[in-house]
Amino acid sequence: IIVYRLLRFGFCNTNNFCVSSSTKILKMSGIALTRLFEERKGWRKDHPFGFVAKPAKNADGTLNLMVWECYIPGRKSTPWEGGMYFLRMIFKDDYPSSPPKCKFEPPLFHPNVYPSG
C-alpha cells in the first residue's frame, strides 16, 4: 500500500474507496491512482493557459481520479476560435498501460474525432 499525505483534496476510485477532504492521509493501492495523483499535482503547477483538466466530483463531494472533466479553448484563426470545448476522460484501472477514453460532450464534428470516443 502506498501512503500519500493528503493536503486538502478528497478522492474516490472506481472501487468506491473514498477519502473526504478533511482526511489527512490517503491510502491508495494501484498504479493508475498513483500515476493520476502525480499527474494532477503536475498539472496544477504547470498547464497551458486557458486549458482546464480536473477530476470529476462525486455526489458526496469527493473527487474521482478515474474520471476527469476537461475544457479546451478553440485555437485562434480556426473555425473553433472563441469556443470552449468540454470533454470527459475516463481512465481504466490499467492506466497508464492503456490510454483513457476521451469523449467530447456534446459530440464535436472533427475529421479525427469519433463519436464513440
Foldseek 3Di string as FASTA:
>chain_A
DDKDFQDFAWEAEPVGPIDHRVDGMDDDDAPQVVVLVVVVVVCVVDDDPPKDKDFDADPVGHGYSQKIKIWDQDDPPDPRHPHIWIKMWGHDRPPPVPGTDIATVPHDDDPPDDRVD
